[in-house]
Amino acid sequence: SLLTTNSIFNNQIEVYTYQYFKEKILEDYEAAKRYKIEHFLLTIEIESKVDRLDTLRKFIAQVLKANTRKTDVVTEGMNSNTFCLLVPFTDKEQIEILRQKLLNAISGHQASEKLEALLSINIRTSGLKEACVEHRIIGEDDA
């Protein structure tokens, strides 16, 4: 059951909250198991020497949303320098293409040129089972 609108969406950076992510990933994990479909999680980690992390987060969120499908869900990560991207109905080849596309979109953006020396982006791919364990949604015994 989803929470109230205020607790599922961060209006400042215009992405879903980490609380929503935890509910959504569990739903997706159960559906993926039931229907034997592939879902992936991309974790976008930002290392920055920029003081204005809120501006940087909004920029990264906009790039992520502009380069993903309507069925993909962009959320905040566990801490302020991560984002999570739930990508349903995707195989390993497509997820790698998307990962590269996002890296190129962020690093190729004109705003990134100014930030290049101050910004490091890492995009990790994981299956939903591993992601659910990593984010403590399910225990390793339940996986």
N, C-alpha and C. Protein backbone atom coordinates (compact mmCIF):
# COMPACT_ATOMS: atom_id res chain seq x y z
N SER A 1 0.84 -1.18 0.00
CA SER A 1 0.00 0.00 0.00
C SER A 1 0.89 1.25 0.00
N LEU A 2 0.61 2.13 -0.91
CA LEU A 2 1.44 3.32 -1.03
C LEU A 2 1.05 4.35 0.02
N LEU A 3 2.03 5.11 0.41
CA LEU A 3 1.83 6.12 1.44
C LEU A 3 1.19 7.37 0.86
N THR A 4 1.01 8.38 1.68
CA THR A 4 0.42 9.62 1.19
C THR A 4 1.35 10.28 0.18
N THR A 5 0.82 11.13 -0.66
CA THR A 5 1.58 11.76 -1.74
C THR A 5 2.83 12.46 -1.23
N ASN A 6 2.76 13.15 -0.10
CA ASN A 6 3.92 13.86 0.42
C ASN A 6 5.09 12.94 0.73
N SER A 7 4.81 11.74 1.15
CA SER A 7 5.90 10.86 1.53
C SER A 7 6.39 9.98 0.38
N ILE A 8 5.75 10.05 -0.80
CA ILE A 8 6.24 9.25 -1.91
C ILE A 8 6.95 10.07 -2.99
N PHE A 9 6.82 11.40 -2.94
CA PHE A 9 7.41 12.22 -3.99
C PHE A 9 8.15 13.41 -3.41
N ASN A 10 9.39 13.60 -3.85
CA ASN A 10 10.18 14.75 -3.43
C ASN A 10 10.00 15.85 -4.47
N ASN A 11 9.23 16.87 -4.13
CA ASN A 11 8.93 17.95 -5.07
C ASN A 11 10.14 18.81 -5.41
N GLN A 12 11.13 18.88 -4.52
CA GLN A 12 12.30 19.71 -4.78
C GLN A 12 13.11 19.21 -5.96
N ILE A 13 13.33 17.91 -6.03
CA ILE A 13 14.11 17.37 -7.15
C ILE A 13 13.25 16.57 -8.13
N GLU A 14 11.96 16.48 -7.85
CA GLU A 14 10.98 15.88 -8.74
C GLU A 14 11.24 14.41 -9.05
N VAL A 15 11.51 13.64 -8.00
CA VAL A 15 11.62 12.19 -8.10
C VAL A 15 10.91 11.57 -6.91
N TYR A 16 10.66 10.27 -7.00
CA TYR A 16 10.04 9.56 -5.88
C TYR A 16 11.04 9.44 -4.72
N THR A 17 10.50 9.30 -3.52
CA THR A 17 11.34 9.21 -2.32
C THR A 17 11.90 7.80 -2.15
N TYR A 18 12.88 7.68 -1.28
CA TYR A 18 13.45 6.37 -0.97
C TYR A 18 12.42 5.47 -0.30
N GLN A 19 11.54 6.05 0.49
CA GLN A 19 10.45 5.27 1.11
C GLN A 19 9.58 4.61 0.04
N TYR A 20 9.24 5.38 -1.00
CA TYR A 20 8.46 4.82 -2.10
C TYR A 20 9.25 3.73 -2.82
N PHE A 21 10.55 3.98 -3.03
CA PHE A 21 11.42 2.98 -3.66
C PHE A 21 11.33 1.64 -2.95
N LYS A 22 11.38 1.67 -1.61
CA LYS A 22 11.38 0.43 -0.85
C LYS A 22 10.07 -0.35 -1.05
N GLU A 23 8.97 0.36 -1.17
CA GLU A 23 7.69 -0.31 -1.43
C GLU A 23 7.61 -0.81 -2.86
N LYS A 24 8.05 0.02 -3.79
CA LYS A 24 7.96 -0.31 -5.22
C LYS A 24 8.87 -1.48 -5.58
N ILE A 25 10.08 -1.52 -5.04
CA ILE A 25 10.99 -2.60 -5.40
C ILE A 25 10.47 -3.95 -4.90
N LEU A 26 9.83 -3.94 -3.75
CA LEU A 26 9.25 -5.18 -3.24
C LEU A 26 8.11 -5.65 -4.14
N GLU A 27 7.25 -4.72 -4.56
CA GLU A 27 6.16 -5.05 -5.50
C GLU A 27 6.74 -5.63 -6.79
N ASP A 28 7.76 -4.95 -7.34
CA ASP A 28 8.37 -5.38 -8.60
C ASP A 28 9.05 -6.74 -8.44
N TYR A 29 9.69 -6.95 -7.31
CA TYR A 29 10.37 -8.22 -7.04
C TYR A 29 9.36 -9.36 -7.02
N GLU A 30 8.24 -9.15 -6.32
CA GLU A 30 7.20 -10.18 -6.25
C GLU A 30 6.62 -10.46 -7.64
N ALA A 31 6.37 -9.41 -8.42
CA ALA A 31 5.83 -9.58 -9.77
C ALA A 31 6.84 -10.29 -10.68
N ALA A 32 8.10 -9.94 -10.56
CA ALA A 32 9.15 -10.56 -11.38
C ALA A 32 9.25 -12.05 -11.08
N LYS A 33 9.14 -12.40 -9.80
CA LYS A 33 9.18 -13.82 -9.41
C LYS A 33 7.95 -14.55 -9.95
N ARG A 34 6.80 -13.94 -9.77
CA ARG A 34 5.53 -14.57 -10.15
C ARG A 34 5.45 -14.80 -11.67
N TYR A 35 5.82 -13.77 -12.45
CA TYR A 35 5.65 -13.84 -13.90
C TYR A 35 6.94 -14.17 -14.65
N LYS A 36 8.02 -14.43 -13.89
CA LYS A 36 9.31 -14.78 -14.48
C LYS A 36 9.76 -13.78 -15.54
N ILE A 37 9.74 -12.51 -15.14
CA ILE A 37 10.20 -11.43 -16.02
C ILE A 37 11.41 -10.76 -15.40
N GLU A 38 12.25 -10.17 -16.24
CA GLU A 38 13.45 -9.54 -15.73
C GLU A 38 13.20 -8.06 -15.41
N HIS A 39 13.63 -7.69 -14.23
CA HIS A 39 13.62 -6.30 -13.79
C HIS A 39 15.03 -6.03 -13.27
N PHE A 40 15.49 -4.80 -13.45
CA PHE A 40 16.80 -4.44 -12.94
C PHE A 40 16.73 -3.15 -12.15
N LEU A 41 17.77 -2.95 -11.38
CA LEU A 41 17.94 -1.70 -10.65
C LEU A 41 19.26 -1.09 -11.06
N LEU A 42 19.23 0.18 -11.42
CA LEU A 42 20.46 0.94 -11.63
C LEU A 42 20.62 1.84 -10.42
N THR A 43 21.79 1.83 -9.82
CA THR A 43 22.09 2.72 -8.71
C THR A 43 23.07 3.75 -9.21
N ILE A 44 22.70 5.01 -9.12
CA ILE A 44 23.53 6.11 -9.61
C ILE A 44 24.15 6.78 -8.39
N GLU A 45 25.46 6.71 -8.29
CA GLU A 45 26.17 7.29 -7.15
C GLU A 45 26.94 8.51 -7.63
N ILE A 46 26.80 9.60 -6.90
CA ILE A 46 27.46 10.86 -7.25
C ILE A 46 28.48 11.18 -6.18
N GLU A 47 29.70 11.41 -6.61
CA GLU A 47 30.70 11.95 -5.69
C GLU A 47 30.97 13.35 -6.16
N SER A 48 30.84 14.30 -5.28
CA SER A 48 30.94 15.69 -5.71
C SER A 48 31.67 16.55 -4.70
N LYS A 49 32.41 17.51 -5.23
CA LYS A 49 33.06 18.50 -4.37
C LYS A 49 32.28 19.82 -4.44
N VAL A 50 31.08 19.73 -4.99
CA VAL A 50 30.22 20.91 -5.13
C VAL A 50 29.46 21.15 -3.84
N ASP A 51 29.41 22.40 -3.41
CA ASP A 51 28.67 22.73 -2.19
C ASP A 51 27.16 22.60 -2.40
N ARG A 52 26.71 22.94 -3.60
CA ARG A 52 25.28 22.96 -3.89
C ARG A 52 24.78 21.60 -4.34
N LEU A 53 24.80 20.63 -3.45
CA LEU A 53 24.40 19.28 -3.80
C LEU A 53 22.94 19.23 -4.25
N ASP A 54 22.08 20.10 -3.69
CA ASP A 54 20.66 20.10 -4.08
C ASP A 54 20.49 20.46 -5.56
N THR A 55 21.26 21.43 -6.05
CA THR A 55 21.20 21.83 -7.46
C THR A 55 21.70 20.69 -8.34
N LEU A 56 22.79 20.08 -7.92
CA LEU A 56 23.36 18.95 -8.66
C LEU A 56 22.38 17.78 -8.70
N ARG A 57 21.73 17.48 -7.58
CA ARG A 57 20.76 16.38 -7.54
C ARG A 57 19.59 16.64 -8.48
N LYS A 58 19.12 17.88 -8.54
CA LYS A 58 18.02 18.21 -9.44
C LYS A 58 18.45 18.02 -10.90
N PHE A 59 19.67 18.45 -11.21
CA PHE A 59 20.21 18.29 -12.56
C PHE A 59 20.29 16.81 -12.94
N ILE A 60 20.85 15.99 -12.06
CA ILE A 60 20.99 14.55 -12.34
C ILE A 60 19.60 13.92 -12.50
N ALA A 61 18.67 14.29 -11.63
CA ALA A 61 17.30 13.75 -11.71
C ALA A 61 16.66 14.08 -13.06
N GLN A 62 16.85 15.31 -13.53
CA GLN A 62 16.28 15.72 -14.82
C GLN A 62 16.89 14.91 -15.97
N VAL A 63 18.20 14.71 -15.93
CA VAL A 63 18.87 13.92 -16.98
C VAL A 63 18.36 12.48 -16.96
N LEU A 64 18.22 11.90 -15.76
CA LEU A 64 17.73 10.52 -15.65
C LEU A 64 16.33 10.40 -16.24
N LYS A 65 15.44 11.32 -15.86
CA LYS A 65 14.06 11.25 -16.34
C LYS A 65 13.96 11.48 -17.85
N ALA A 66 14.81 12.35 -18.38
CA ALA A 66 14.77 12.66 -19.81
C ALA A 66 15.28 11.50 -20.67
N ASN A 67 16.01 10.58 -20.07
CA ASN A 67 16.64 9.50 -20.83
C ASN A 67 16.12 8.12 -20.48
N THR A 68 14.93 8.06 -19.85
CA THR A 68 14.35 6.78 -19.49
C THR A 68 12.91 6.70 -20.00
N ARG A 69 12.35 5.49 -19.91
CA ARG A 69 10.98 5.27 -20.38
C ARG A 69 9.97 5.65 -19.29
N LYS A 70 8.72 5.77 -19.68
CA LYS A 70 7.67 6.10 -18.70
C LYS A 70 7.50 4.99 -17.66
N THR A 71 7.83 3.76 -18.02
CA THR A 71 7.68 2.64 -17.08
C THR A 71 8.84 2.55 -16.09
N ASP A 72 9.94 3.25 -16.35
CA ASP A 72 11.07 3.27 -15.43
C ASP A 72 10.78 4.24 -14.29
N VAL A 73 11.24 3.91 -13.10
CA VAL A 73 10.93 4.72 -11.93
C VAL A 73 12.22 5.27 -11.32
N VAL A 74 12.34 6.60 -11.32
CA VAL A 74 13.51 7.27 -10.74
C VAL A 74 13.17 7.66 -9.30
N THR A 75 14.02 7.22 -8.36
CA THR A 75 13.79 7.55 -6.95
C THR A 75 15.08 8.04 -6.31
N GLU A 76 14.92 8.64 -5.14
CA GLU A 76 16.09 8.96 -4.32
C GLU A 76 16.70 7.65 -3.85
N GLY A 77 17.99 7.69 -3.55
CA GLY A 77 18.65 6.52 -3.01
C GLY A 77 18.65 6.56 -1.50
N MET A 78 19.46 5.68 -0.93
CA MET A 78 19.54 5.54 0.52
C MET A 78 20.10 6.80 1.18
N ASN A 79 20.94 7.54 0.44
CA ASN A 79 21.49 8.79 0.99
C ASN A 79 21.43 9.88 -0.08
N SER A 80 21.85 11.08 0.27
CA SER A 80 21.65 12.23 -0.61
C SER A 80 22.51 12.21 -1.87
N ASN A 81 23.49 11.33 -1.97
CA ASN A 81 24.29 11.32 -3.19
C ASN A 81 24.01 10.09 -4.06
N THR A 82 22.85 9.46 -3.87
CA THR A 82 22.48 8.34 -4.74
C THR A 82 21.06 8.48 -5.27
N PHE A 83 20.86 7.90 -6.44
CA PHE A 83 19.53 7.74 -7.03
C PHE A 83 19.37 6.27 -7.37
N CYS A 84 18.13 5.82 -7.40
CA CYS A 84 17.82 4.46 -7.84
C CYS A 84 16.90 4.57 -9.05
N LEU A 85 17.11 3.67 -9.98
CA LEU A 85 16.29 3.63 -11.18
C LEU A 85 15.79 2.20 -11.36
N LEU A 86 14.50 1.99 -11.13
CA LEU A 86 13.88 0.68 -11.33
C LEU A 86 13.51 0.54 -12.80
N VAL A 87 14.01 -0.51 -13.44
CA VAL A 87 13.84 -0.68 -14.88
C VAL A 87 13.17 -2.04 -15.14
N PRO A 88 11.85 -2.04 -15.33
CA PRO A 88 11.15 -3.31 -15.56
C PRO A 88 11.23 -3.77 -17.02
N PHE A 89 10.96 -5.05 -17.23
CA PHE A 89 10.85 -5.63 -18.57
C PHE A 89 12.07 -5.34 -19.44
N THR A 90 13.24 -5.61 -18.89
CA THR A 90 14.48 -5.29 -19.58
C THR A 90 15.45 -6.45 -19.41
N ASP A 91 16.18 -6.77 -20.48
CA ASP A 91 17.18 -7.83 -20.35
C ASP A 91 18.56 -7.23 -20.08
N LYS A 92 19.55 -8.10 -19.87
CA LYS A 92 20.89 -7.63 -19.48
C LYS A 92 21.54 -6.77 -20.56
N GLU A 93 21.28 -7.08 -21.81
CA GLU A 93 21.86 -6.29 -22.91
C GLU A 93 21.26 -4.89 -22.92
N GLN A 94 19.93 -4.80 -22.78
CA GLN A 94 19.26 -3.50 -22.78
C GLN A 94 19.68 -2.66 -21.58
N ILE A 95 19.89 -3.30 -20.43
CA ILE A 95 20.24 -2.54 -19.23
C ILE A 95 21.64 -1.95 -19.37
N GLU A 96 22.53 -2.67 -20.04
CA GLU A 96 23.88 -2.14 -20.25
C GLU A 96 23.84 -0.97 -21.24
N ILE A 97 23.00 -1.07 -22.26
CA ILE A 97 22.84 0.04 -23.21
C ILE A 97 22.30 1.27 -22.48
N LEU A 98 21.30 1.07 -21.61
CA LEU A 98 20.74 2.18 -20.84
C LEU A 98 21.79 2.78 -19.90
N ARG A 99 22.55 1.92 -19.23
CA ARG A 99 23.59 2.40 -18.31
C ARG A 99 24.58 3.30 -19.05
N GLN A 100 25.01 2.86 -20.23
CA GLN A 100 25.96 3.65 -21.02
C GLN A 100 25.32 4.94 -21.51
N LYS A 101 24.06 4.86 -21.91
CA LYS A 101 23.33 6.05 -22.39
C LYS A 101 23.25 7.10 -21.28
N LEU A 102 22.96 6.66 -20.05
CA LEU A 102 22.86 7.60 -18.92
C LEU A 102 24.21 8.22 -18.60
N LEU A 103 25.26 7.40 -18.60
CA LEU A 103 26.61 7.94 -18.36
C LEU A 103 26.95 8.99 -19.40
N ASN A 104 26.67 8.69 -20.67
CA ASN A 104 26.94 9.63 -21.76
C ASN A 104 26.10 10.90 -21.63
N ALA A 105 24.82 10.73 -21.27
CA ALA A 105 23.91 11.88 -21.16
C ALA A 105 24.37 12.83 -20.04
N ILE A 106 24.82 12.25 -18.93
CA ILE A 106 25.26 13.09 -17.81
C ILE A 106 26.61 13.75 -18.13
N SER A 107 27.55 12.95 -18.60
CA SER A 107 28.89 13.51 -18.86
C SER A 107 28.90 14.39 -20.11
N GLY A 108 28.00 14.15 -21.05
CA GLY A 108 27.96 14.94 -22.28
C GLY A 108 27.16 16.22 -22.18
N HIS A 109 26.45 16.39 -21.09
CA HIS A 109 25.61 17.58 -20.91
C HIS A 109 26.50 18.80 -20.68
N GLN A 110 26.11 19.93 -21.24
CA GLN A 110 26.96 21.13 -21.12
C GLN A 110 27.21 21.53 -19.68
N ALA A 111 26.26 21.29 -18.80
CA ALA A 111 26.46 21.64 -17.38
C ALA A 111 27.55 20.76 -16.77
N SER A 112 27.68 19.53 -17.28
CA SER A 112 28.69 18.61 -16.74
C SER A 112 30.11 19.07 -17.04
N GLU A 113 30.30 19.74 -18.17
CA GLU A 113 31.64 20.20 -18.53
C GLU A 113 32.21 21.09 -17.44
N LYS A 114 31.38 21.96 -16.91
CA LYS A 114 31.82 22.85 -15.83
C LYS A 114 32.06 22.06 -14.54
N LEU A 115 31.34 20.96 -14.39
CA LEU A 115 31.41 20.19 -13.15
C LEU A 115 32.39 19.03 -13.22
N GLU A 116 32.96 18.78 -14.42
CA GLU A 116 33.71 17.54 -14.63
C GLU A 116 34.76 17.26 -13.56
N ALA A 117 35.53 18.26 -13.20
CA ALA A 117 36.57 18.05 -12.19
C ALA A 117 35.98 17.85 -10.79
N LEU A 118 34.74 18.23 -10.62
CA LEU A 118 34.11 18.18 -9.30
C LEU A 118 33.14 17.01 -9.14
N LEU A 119 32.95 16.25 -10.21
CA LEU A 119 31.86 15.29 -10.24
C LEU A 119 32.36 13.92 -10.70
N SER A 120 31.97 12.90 -9.97
CA SER A 120 32.27 11.53 -10.37
C SER A 120 30.96 10.75 -10.31
N ILE A 121 30.63 10.08 -11.41
CA ILE A 121 29.37 9.32 -11.48
C ILE A 121 29.69 7.84 -11.64
N ASN A 122 29.03 7.03 -10.86
CA ASN A 122 29.14 5.58 -11.00
C ASN A 122 27.73 5.02 -11.12
N ILE A 123 27.49 4.19 -12.14
CA ILE A 123 26.17 3.58 -12.29
C ILE A 123 26.35 2.07 -12.22
N ARG A 124 25.76 1.49 -11.19
CA ARG A 124 25.83 0.06 -10.92
C ARG A 124 24.53 -0.63 -11.32
N THR A 125 24.65 -1.83 -11.84
CA THR A 125 23.48 -2.63 -12.22
C THR A 125 23.33 -3.80 -11.27
N SER A 126 22.10 -4.08 -10.85
CA SER A 126 21.87 -5.29 -10.06
C SER A 126 20.48 -5.83 -10.37
N GLY A 127 20.33 -7.13 -10.20
CA GLY A 127 19.02 -7.75 -10.32
C GLY A 127 18.19 -7.37 -9.10
N LEU A 128 16.89 -7.56 -9.19
CA LEU A 128 16.02 -7.14 -8.09
C LEU A 128 16.26 -7.94 -6.82
N LYS A 129 16.56 -9.22 -6.95
CA LYS A 129 16.78 -10.03 -5.75
C LYS A 129 17.97 -9.49 -4.96
N GLU A 130 19.09 -9.25 -5.66
CA GLU A 130 20.28 -8.70 -5.00
C GLU A 130 19.99 -7.31 -4.42
N ALA A 131 19.26 -6.51 -5.18
CA ALA A 131 18.93 -5.16 -4.73
C ALA A 131 18.06 -5.19 -3.47
N CYS A 132 17.09 -6.10 -3.44
CA CYS A 132 16.21 -6.22 -2.27
C CYS A 132 17.00 -6.61 -1.03
N VAL A 133 17.98 -7.48 -1.18
CA VAL A 133 18.82 -7.88 -0.06
C VAL A 133 19.70 -6.70 0.36
N GLU A 134 20.33 -6.04 -0.64
CA GLU A 134 21.23 -4.91 -0.35
C GLU A 134 20.51 -3.79 0.40
N HIS A 135 19.28 -3.50 0.02
CA HIS A 135 18.51 -2.42 0.66
C HIS A 135 17.71 -2.91 1.86
N ARG A 136 17.96 -4.14 2.26
CA ARG A 136 17.33 -4.75 3.43
C ARG A 136 15.79 -4.80 3.32
N ILE A 137 15.31 -5.00 2.09
CA ILE A 137 13.87 -5.14 1.87
C ILE A 137 13.48 -6.57 2.22
N ILE A 138 14.35 -7.51 1.83
CA ILE A 138 14.16 -8.92 2.19
C ILE A 138 15.47 -9.42 2.79
N GLY A 139 15.38 -10.45 3.60
CA GLY A 139 16.59 -11.05 4.16
C GLY A 139 17.21 -12.00 3.14
N GLU A 140 18.49 -12.32 3.33
CA GLU A 140 19.16 -13.24 2.41
C GLU A 140 18.48 -14.60 2.39
N ASP A 141 17.90 -15.01 3.52
CA ASP A 141 17.20 -16.30 3.57
C ASP A 141 15.93 -16.31 2.74
N ASP A 142 15.32 -15.12 2.54
CA ASP A 142 14.09 -15.03 1.77
C ASP A 142 14.32 -14.97 0.27
N ALA A 143 15.56 -14.67 -0.13
CA ALA A 143 15.85 -14.45 -1.54
C ALA A 143 15.78 -15.73 -2.35
